C-alpha atoms as a PDB file:
ATOM      1  CA  UNK A   1      -0.042   0.066   0.118  1.00  0.00           C
ATOM      2  CA  UNK A   2       1.513   3.469  -1.004  1.00  0.00           C
ATOM      3  CA  UNK A   3       1.720   6.233   1.457  1.00  0.00           C
ATOM      4  CA  UNK A   4      -1.256   8.009  -0.038  1.00  0.00           C
ATOM      5  CA  UNK A   5      -3.686   4.844   0.028  1.00  0.00           C
ATOM      6  CA  UNK A   6      -2.325   4.489   3.704  1.00  0.00           C
ATOM      7  CA  UNK A   7      -3.246   8.369   4.590  1.00  0.00           C
ATOM      8  CA  UNK A   8      -6.666   7.533   2.744  1.00  0.00           C
ATOM      9  CA  UNK A   9      -7.238   4.493   4.845  1.00  0.00           C
ATOM     10  CA  UNK A  10      -6.306   6.391   8.001  1.00  0.00           C
ATOM     11  CA  UNK A  11      -8.631   9.379   7.086  1.00  0.00           C
ATOM     12  CA  UNK A  12     -11.544   6.794   6.543  1.00  0.00           C
ATOM     13  CA  UNK A  13     -10.929   5.205   9.945  1.00  0.00           C
ATOM     14  CA  UNK A  14     -10.711   8.592  11.710  1.00  0.00           C
ATOM     15  CA  UNK A  15     -13.898   9.708  10.276  1.00  0.00           C
ATOM     16  CA  UNK A  16     -15.772   6.496  11.113  1.00  0.00           C
ATOM     17  CA  UNK A  17     -14.441   6.605  14.695  1.00  0.00           C
ATOM     18  CA  UNK A  18     -15.489  10.037  15.137  1.00  0.00           C
ATOM     19  CA  UNK A  19     -19.047   9.385  13.644  1.00  0.00           C
ATOM     20  CA  UNK A  20     -19.314   6.272  15.790  1.00  0.00           C
ATOM     21  CA  UNK A  21     -18.603   8.449  18.958  1.00  0.00           C
ATOM     22  CA  UNK A  22     -21.377  10.651  18.054  1.00  0.00           C
ATOM     23  CA  UNK A  23     -23.664   7.764  17.506  1.00  0.00           C
ATOM     24  CA  UNK A  24     -26.812   7.497  15.325  1.00  0.00           C
ATOM     25  CA  UNK A  25     -29.419   9.513  17.437  1.00  0.00           C
ATOM     26  CA  UNK A  26     -28.182  12.605  15.330  1.00  0.00           C
ATOM     27  CA  UNK A  27     -29.686  12.102  11.839  1.00  0.00           C
ATOM     28  CA  UNK A  28     -26.953  14.044  10.076  1.00  0.00           C
ATOM     29  CA  UNK A  29     -24.606  11.582  11.837  1.00  0.00           C
ATOM     30  CA  UNK A  30     -26.647   8.720  11.116  1.00  0.00           C
ATOM     31  CA  UNK A  31     -26.386   9.751   7.192  1.00  0.00           C
ATOM     32  CA  UNK A  32     -22.648  10.028   7.737  1.00  0.00           C
ATOM     33  CA  UNK A  33     -22.527   6.460   9.124  1.00  0.00           C
ATOM     34  CA  UNK A  34     -24.328   5.006   6.210  1.00  0.00           C
ATOM     35  CA  UNK A  35     -22.177   6.799   3.843  1.00  0.00           C
ATOM     36  CA  UNK A  36     -19.184   5.428   5.839  1.00  0.00           C
ATOM     37  CA  UNK A  37     -20.489   1.668   5.172  1.00  0.00           C
ATOM     38  CA  UNK A  38     -19.769   2.399   1.304  1.00  0.00           C
ATOM     39  CA  UNK A  39     -16.140   2.772   1.991  1.00  0.00           C
ATOM     40  CA  UNK A  40     -13.982  -0.447   2.362  1.00  0.00           C
ATOM     41  CA  UNK A  41     -11.845   0.903   4.902  1.00  0.00           C
ATOM     42  CA  UNK A  42     -14.609   2.029   7.299  1.00  0.00           C
ATOM     43  CA  UNK A  43     -17.404  -0.272   6.434  1.00  0.00           C
ATOM     44  CA  UNK A  44     -16.351  -3.084   8.766  1.00  0.00           C
ATOM     45  CA  UNK A  45     -16.267  -0.929  11.974  1.00  0.00           C
ATOM     46  CA  UNK A  46     -19.450   0.786  11.131  1.00  0.00           C
ATOM     47  CA  UNK A  47     -21.387  -2.073  10.460  1.00  0.00           C
ATOM     48  CA  UNK A  48     -20.072  -3.735  13.481  1.00  0.00           C
ATOM     49  CA  UNK A  49     -21.582  -0.401  15.294  1.00  0.00           C
ATOM     50  CA  UNK A  50     -25.059  -0.986  13.768  1.00  0.00           C
ATOM     51  CA  UNK A  51     -24.895  -4.673  14.701  1.00  0.00           C
ATOM     52  CA  UNK A  52     -24.383  -3.494  18.284  1.00  0.00           C
ATOM     53  CA  UNK A  53     -27.498  -1.570  17.841  1.00  0.00           C
ATOM     54  CA  UNK A  54     -29.622  -4.119  15.878  1.00  0.00           C
ATOM     55  CA  UNK A  55     -32.463  -4.195  18.529  1.00  0.00           C
ATOM     56  CA  UNK A  56     -32.913  -0.381  18.424  1.00  0.00           C
ATOM     57  CA  UNK A  57     -36.399   0.257  16.942  1.00  0.00           C
ATOM     58  CA  UNK A  58     -35.727   4.059  16.497  1.00  0.00           C
ATOM     59  CA  UNK A  59     -32.573   3.395  14.353  1.00  0.00           C
ATOM     60  CA  UNK A  60     -34.729   0.824  12.309  1.00  0.00           C
ATOM     61  CA  UNK A  61     -37.524   3.523  11.849  1.00  0.00           C
ATOM     62  CA  UNK A  62     -34.955   6.175  10.793  1.00  0.00           C
ATOM     63  CA  UNK A  63     -33.171   3.717   8.541  1.00  0.00           C
ATOM     64  CA  UNK A  64     -36.500   2.956   6.847  1.00  0.00           C
ATOM     65  CA  UNK A  65     -37.380   6.628   6.618  1.00  0.00           C
ATOM     66  CA  UNK A  66     -33.876   7.242   4.769  1.00  0.00           C
ATOM     67  CA  UNK A  67     -34.358   4.122   2.513  1.00  0.00           C
ATOM     68  CA  UNK A  68     -37.812   5.528   1.406  1.00  0.00           C
ATOM     69  CA  UNK A  69     -36.074   8.702   0.215  1.00  0.00           C
ATOM     70  CA  UNK A  70     -35.116   6.864  -2.840  1.00  0.00           C
ATOM     71  CA  UNK A  71     -32.359   6.758  -5.397  1.00  0.00           C
ATOM     72  CA  UNK A  72     -31.982  10.643  -5.931  1.00  0.00           C
ATOM     73  CA  UNK A  73     -30.817  11.287  -2.311  1.00  0.00           C
ATOM     74  CA  UNK A  74     -27.326   9.793  -2.705  1.00  0.00           C
ATOM     75  CA  UNK A  75     -25.689   6.853  -1.030  1.00  0.00           C
ATOM     76  CA  UNK A  76     -27.294   7.086   2.240  1.00  0.00           C
ATOM     77  CA  UNK A  77     -31.140   5.683   1.064  1.00  0.00           C
ATOM     78  CA  UNK A  78     -29.183   2.517  -0.475  1.00  0.00           C
ATOM     79  CA  UNK A  79     -26.805   1.929   2.343  1.00  0.00           C
ATOM     80  CA  UNK A  80     -29.702   2.230   4.792  1.00  0.00           C
ATOM     81  CA  UNK A  81     -31.775  -0.237   2.764  1.00  0.00           C
ATOM     82  CA  UNK A  82     -28.756  -2.799   3.136  1.00  0.00           C
ATOM     83  CA  UNK A  83     -28.624  -2.131   6.890  1.00  0.00           C
ATOM     84  CA  UNK A  84     -32.280  -2.833   7.246  1.00  0.00           C
ATOM     85  CA  UNK A  85     -31.781  -6.382   6.072  1.00  0.00           C
ATOM     86  CA  UNK A  86     -29.630  -6.966   9.139  1.00  0.00           C
ATOM     87  CA  UNK A  87     -32.487  -6.273  11.770  1.00  0.00           C
ATOM     88  CA  UNK A  88     -34.276  -9.129  13.429  1.00  0.00           C
ATOM     89  CA  UNK A  89     -37.705 -10.108  11.997  1.00  0.00           C
ATOM     90  CA  UNK A  90     -39.840  -8.916  14.889  1.00  0.00           C
ATOM     91  CA  UNK A  91     -38.762  -5.468  14.292  1.00  0.00           C
ATOM     92  CA  UNK A  92     -38.784  -5.841  10.664  1.00  0.00           C
ATOM     93  CA  UNK A  93     -42.622  -6.878  10.879  1.00  0.00           C
ATOM     94  CA  UNK A  94     -43.327  -3.266  12.337  1.00  0.00           C
ATOM     95  CA  UNK A  95     -42.334  -1.956   8.807  1.00  0.00           C
ATOM     96  CA  UNK A  96     -43.885  -4.486   6.522  1.00  0.00           C
ATOM     97  CA  UNK A  97     -45.744  -1.834   4.585  1.00  0.00           C
ATOM     98  CA  UNK A  98     -42.600   0.346   4.059  1.00  0.00           C
ATOM     99  CA  UNK A  99     -40.671  -2.478   2.958  1.00  0.00           C
ATOM    100  CA  UNK A 100     -43.335  -3.629   0.587  1.00  0.00           C
ATOM    101  CA  UNK A 101     -43.255   0.077  -0.938  1.00  0.00           C
ATOM    102  CA  UNK A 102     -39.418   0.033  -0.983  1.00  0.00           C
ATOM    103  CA  UNK A 103     -39.474  -3.230  -2.745  1.00  0.00           C
ATOM    104  CA  UNK A 104     -41.345  -1.719  -5.562  1.00  0.00           C
ATOM    105  CA  UNK A 105     -38.498   0.654  -6.448  1.00  0.00           C
ATOM    106  CA  UNK A 106     -36.957   0.344  -9.826  1.00  0.00           C
ATOM    107  CA  UNK A 107     -33.620   0.907  -8.391  1.00  0.00           C
ATOM    108  CA  UNK A 108     -32.323  -2.716  -7.362  1.00  0.00           C
ATOM    109  CA  UNK A 109     -30.176  -1.261  -4.735  1.00  0.00           C
ATOM    110  CA  UNK A 110     -33.357  -0.347  -2.817  1.00  0.00           C
ATOM    111  CA  UNK A 111     -35.886  -3.019  -3.977  1.00  0.00           C
ATOM    112  CA  UNK A 112     -33.572  -6.209  -3.488  1.00  0.00           C
ATOM    113  CA  UNK A 113     -32.569  -5.415  -0.020  1.00  0.00           C
ATOM    114  CA  UNK A 114     -36.266  -4.714   1.015  1.00  0.00           C
ATOM    115  CA  UNK A 115     -37.183  -8.014  -0.830  1.00  0.00           C
ATOM    116  CA  UNK A 116     -34.764  -9.921   1.379  1.00  0.00           C
ATOM    117  CA  UNK A 117     -36.309  -8.219   4.676  1.00  0.00           C
ATOM    118  CA  UNK A 118     -39.812  -9.466   3.266  1.00  0.00           C
ATOM    119  CA  UNK A 119     -38.467 -12.790   2.636  1.00  0.00           C
ATOM    120  CA  UNK A 120     -37.047 -12.865   6.372  1.00  0.00           C
ATOM    121  CA  UNK A 121     -40.600 -12.151   7.619  1.00  0.00           C
ATOM    122  CA  UNK A 122     -42.245 -14.466   5.448  1.00  0.00           C
ATOM    123  CA  UNK A 123     -39.960 -17.524   6.239  1.00  0.00           C
ATOM    124  CA  UNK A 124     -40.589 -16.478   9.981  1.00  0.00           C
ATOM    125  CA  UNK A 125     -44.229 -16.636   9.427  1.00  0.00           C
ATOM    126  CA  UNK A 126     -44.110 -20.096   7.922  1.00  0.00           C
END
């Protein structure tokens, strides 16, 4: 890894560390956390942060809200959609109607994760 790559990696990890310290209660920071999941350097630590909060109903509600904003809102909506899938079925069920809407999106980065989440619900119900 060359010096510029190492500097970029260190910067990405520093940004993720700072965003994790602030947490997901702040909507602007939640969006920052989501965007950091799209970078290979920061994604593992940010996804681990989300996994530690996988039972947080308010977090899931905010992720669904961001995902429903659609493709025109940048990386945060599709990152939110991909994060939603990680949540347990009992929480996903509370958002089934919104997941149905999201599953109809033309942009597969939004619809495919929603379909996966709906599949988790369907499998739990059978």
